[in-house]
N, C-alpha and C. Protein backbone atom coordinates (compact mmCIF):
# COMPACT_ATOMS: atom_id res chain seq x y z
N MET A 1 -4.76 14.05 -31.17
CA MET A 1 -6.20 14.10 -30.99
C MET A 1 -6.87 13.19 -32.01
N VAL A 2 -7.93 12.58 -31.58
CA VAL A 2 -8.71 11.69 -32.43
C VAL A 2 -10.02 12.38 -32.76
N SER A 3 -10.39 12.34 -34.01
CA SER A 3 -11.65 12.98 -34.41
C SER A 3 -12.83 12.17 -33.88
N PRO A 4 -13.97 12.81 -33.68
CA PRO A 4 -15.15 12.11 -33.12
C PRO A 4 -15.71 11.01 -34.02
N ASP A 5 -15.41 11.02 -35.31
CA ASP A 5 -15.98 10.00 -36.19
C ASP A 5 -15.13 8.74 -36.28
N VAL A 6 -14.03 8.65 -35.52
CA VAL A 6 -13.19 7.46 -35.50
C VAL A 6 -13.80 6.45 -34.53
N VAL A 7 -13.94 5.21 -34.97
CA VAL A 7 -14.50 4.15 -34.14
C VAL A 7 -13.36 3.48 -33.36
N ILE A 8 -13.48 3.46 -32.04
CA ILE A 8 -12.50 2.79 -31.19
C ILE A 8 -13.08 1.44 -30.81
N LEU A 9 -12.35 0.37 -31.11
CA LEU A 9 -12.90 -0.97 -30.96
C LEU A 9 -12.56 -1.66 -29.65
N HIS A 10 -11.84 -1.01 -28.76
CA HIS A 10 -11.53 -1.64 -27.49
C HIS A 10 -11.62 -0.61 -26.36
N ALA A 11 -11.72 -1.10 -25.13
CA ALA A 11 -12.05 -0.25 -23.99
C ALA A 11 -10.85 0.19 -23.17
N HIS A 12 -9.64 -0.22 -23.48
CA HIS A 12 -8.42 0.14 -22.73
C HIS A 12 -8.42 -0.35 -21.29
N ASP A 13 -9.30 -1.26 -20.94
CA ASP A 13 -9.34 -1.84 -19.61
C ASP A 13 -9.82 -3.28 -19.77
N GLU A 14 -9.05 -4.20 -19.23
CA GLU A 14 -9.34 -5.62 -19.44
C GLU A 14 -10.72 -6.00 -18.89
N PHE A 15 -11.04 -5.54 -17.69
CA PHE A 15 -12.30 -5.92 -17.06
C PHE A 15 -13.49 -5.24 -17.75
N LEU A 16 -13.33 -3.99 -18.12
CA LEU A 16 -14.40 -3.29 -18.85
C LEU A 16 -14.62 -3.93 -20.21
N GLN A 17 -13.54 -4.33 -20.88
CA GLN A 17 -13.67 -4.97 -22.19
C GLN A 17 -14.39 -6.31 -22.10
N VAL A 18 -14.08 -7.08 -21.05
CA VAL A 18 -14.78 -8.36 -20.85
C VAL A 18 -16.26 -8.10 -20.59
N ALA A 19 -16.56 -7.07 -19.80
CA ALA A 19 -17.96 -6.75 -19.52
C ALA A 19 -18.69 -6.32 -20.78
N VAL A 20 -18.01 -5.55 -21.64
CA VAL A 20 -18.63 -5.12 -22.90
C VAL A 20 -18.85 -6.31 -23.83
N ASP A 21 -17.85 -7.17 -23.94
CA ASP A 21 -17.93 -8.30 -24.86
C ASP A 21 -18.85 -9.42 -24.38
N LEU A 22 -18.79 -9.74 -23.09
CA LEU A 22 -19.48 -10.93 -22.57
C LEU A 22 -20.63 -10.62 -21.62
N GLY A 23 -20.81 -9.37 -21.24
CA GLY A 23 -21.87 -9.01 -20.31
C GLY A 23 -21.47 -9.27 -18.87
N LEU A 24 -22.39 -9.01 -17.98
CA LEU A 24 -22.09 -9.18 -16.55
C LEU A 24 -21.83 -10.63 -16.14
N PRO A 25 -22.55 -11.62 -16.69
CA PRO A 25 -22.20 -13.01 -16.34
C PRO A 25 -20.78 -13.38 -16.77
N GLY A 26 -20.36 -12.89 -17.92
CA GLY A 26 -18.99 -13.14 -18.38
C GLY A 26 -17.97 -12.46 -17.49
N LEU A 27 -18.27 -11.25 -17.04
CA LEU A 27 -17.37 -10.53 -16.14
C LEU A 27 -17.24 -11.24 -14.80
N VAL A 28 -18.36 -11.73 -14.29
CA VAL A 28 -18.33 -12.47 -13.02
C VAL A 28 -17.50 -13.74 -13.17
N SER A 29 -17.66 -14.45 -14.28
CA SER A 29 -16.87 -15.65 -14.53
C SER A 29 -15.39 -15.33 -14.68
N PHE A 30 -15.08 -14.25 -15.38
CA PHE A 30 -13.70 -13.82 -15.57
C PHE A 30 -13.06 -13.47 -14.24
N LEU A 31 -13.78 -12.74 -13.39
CA LEU A 31 -13.26 -12.40 -12.06
C LEU A 31 -13.08 -13.64 -11.19
N ALA A 32 -13.99 -14.60 -11.33
CA ALA A 32 -13.86 -15.84 -10.56
C ALA A 32 -12.60 -16.60 -10.98
N ILE A 33 -12.31 -16.61 -12.27
CA ILE A 33 -11.09 -17.27 -12.74
C ILE A 33 -9.86 -16.58 -12.18
N TYR A 34 -9.85 -15.25 -12.23
CA TYR A 34 -8.72 -14.49 -11.67
C TYR A 34 -8.55 -14.77 -10.18
N LEU A 35 -9.65 -14.79 -9.44
CA LEU A 35 -9.57 -15.03 -8.00
C LEU A 35 -9.08 -16.44 -7.69
N LEU A 36 -9.55 -17.42 -8.42
CA LEU A 36 -9.12 -18.80 -8.20
C LEU A 36 -7.63 -18.98 -8.52
N ILE A 37 -7.18 -18.39 -9.62
CA ILE A 37 -5.76 -18.47 -9.96
C ILE A 37 -4.93 -17.77 -8.91
N GLY A 38 -5.35 -16.59 -8.48
CA GLY A 38 -4.62 -15.86 -7.45
C GLY A 38 -4.56 -16.63 -6.14
N TRP A 39 -5.69 -17.22 -5.74
CA TRP A 39 -5.72 -17.98 -4.50
C TRP A 39 -4.79 -19.20 -4.58
N THR A 40 -4.80 -19.88 -5.72
CA THR A 40 -3.92 -21.03 -5.91
C THR A 40 -2.46 -20.63 -5.86
N LEU A 41 -2.11 -19.54 -6.53
CA LEU A 41 -0.71 -19.09 -6.53
C LEU A 41 -0.27 -18.64 -5.14
N LEU A 42 -1.14 -17.97 -4.41
CA LEU A 42 -0.79 -17.56 -3.05
C LEU A 42 -0.63 -18.77 -2.13
N SER A 43 -1.44 -19.80 -2.33
CA SER A 43 -1.28 -21.00 -1.50
C SER A 43 0.03 -21.71 -1.82
N VAL A 44 0.47 -21.69 -3.08
CA VAL A 44 1.78 -22.25 -3.43
C VAL A 44 2.87 -21.44 -2.76
N LEU A 45 2.75 -20.13 -2.77
CA LEU A 45 3.77 -19.28 -2.13
C LEU A 45 3.84 -19.50 -0.62
N ARG A 46 2.70 -19.78 0.00
CA ARG A 46 2.69 -19.98 1.46
C ARG A 46 3.16 -21.37 1.88
N ARG A 47 2.84 -22.40 1.12
CA ARG A 47 3.07 -23.77 1.57
C ARG A 47 4.33 -24.41 1.01
N ASP A 48 4.62 -24.20 -0.25
CA ASP A 48 5.71 -24.93 -0.90
C ASP A 48 7.06 -24.38 -0.49
N THR A 49 8.02 -25.27 -0.29
CA THR A 49 9.36 -24.85 0.12
C THR A 49 10.37 -24.89 -1.02
N ASP A 50 9.96 -25.42 -2.16
CA ASP A 50 10.87 -25.50 -3.30
C ASP A 50 11.03 -24.11 -3.93
N PRO A 51 12.25 -23.59 -4.03
CA PRO A 51 12.44 -22.24 -4.59
C PRO A 51 11.97 -22.11 -6.04
N PHE A 52 12.02 -23.18 -6.81
CA PHE A 52 11.56 -23.12 -8.19
C PHE A 52 10.07 -22.81 -8.24
N TYR A 53 9.27 -23.49 -7.40
CA TYR A 53 7.84 -23.25 -7.38
C TYR A 53 7.52 -21.86 -6.86
N HIS A 54 8.29 -21.38 -5.90
CA HIS A 54 8.11 -20.01 -5.41
C HIS A 54 8.34 -19.01 -6.53
N LEU A 55 9.41 -19.20 -7.28
CA LEU A 55 9.74 -18.28 -8.36
C LEU A 55 8.67 -18.31 -9.44
N MET A 56 8.24 -19.50 -9.83
CA MET A 56 7.22 -19.61 -10.88
C MET A 56 5.88 -19.02 -10.43
N ALA A 57 5.48 -19.30 -9.19
CA ALA A 57 4.21 -18.76 -8.69
C ALA A 57 4.28 -17.24 -8.59
N PHE A 58 5.40 -16.72 -8.12
CA PHE A 58 5.56 -15.27 -8.01
C PHE A 58 5.55 -14.62 -9.39
N ALA A 59 6.20 -15.23 -10.37
CA ALA A 59 6.25 -14.67 -11.72
C ALA A 59 4.85 -14.67 -12.36
N ILE A 60 4.12 -15.74 -12.20
CA ILE A 60 2.77 -15.80 -12.78
C ILE A 60 1.85 -14.80 -12.09
N LEU A 61 1.94 -14.71 -10.77
CA LEU A 61 1.13 -13.75 -10.02
C LEU A 61 1.47 -12.32 -10.42
N ALA A 62 2.75 -12.01 -10.56
CA ALA A 62 3.15 -10.67 -10.98
C ALA A 62 2.64 -10.38 -12.40
N GLY A 63 2.68 -11.36 -13.27
CA GLY A 63 2.16 -11.18 -14.62
C GLY A 63 0.67 -10.91 -14.64
N LEU A 64 -0.08 -11.63 -13.82
CA LEU A 64 -1.53 -11.38 -13.75
C LEU A 64 -1.84 -10.00 -13.20
N ILE A 65 -1.10 -9.61 -12.17
CA ILE A 65 -1.34 -8.27 -11.59
C ILE A 65 -0.98 -7.18 -12.59
N SER A 66 0.14 -7.35 -13.27
CA SER A 66 0.53 -6.31 -14.23
C SER A 66 -0.41 -6.27 -15.43
N MET A 67 -0.93 -7.42 -15.84
CA MET A 67 -1.89 -7.43 -16.94
C MET A 67 -3.19 -6.75 -16.57
N SER A 68 -3.64 -6.95 -15.34
CA SER A 68 -4.92 -6.38 -14.95
C SER A 68 -4.82 -4.89 -14.64
N HIS A 69 -3.61 -4.37 -14.37
CA HIS A 69 -3.46 -2.96 -14.07
C HIS A 69 -2.81 -2.18 -15.21
N GLY A 70 -2.48 -2.86 -16.28
CA GLY A 70 -1.83 -2.18 -17.41
C GLY A 70 -2.80 -1.39 -18.25
N GLU A 71 -2.27 -0.63 -19.18
CA GLU A 71 -3.13 0.16 -20.06
C GLU A 71 -3.01 -0.30 -21.47
């Protein structure tokens, strides 16, 4: 248990923390970056036939998803 007088300096959620630190315009920009990266990685997965690019795109996409859903 944490006592009420302890200051917690982070929000335990990446998107909430960005909103707290940068405000709503920063959150919108952050989400736009995530969406653009996701869209680019998905297009690589759909179009490219080289297994190396598939593996790299899948690994980066999995890392972004796990980072955004982690605690």
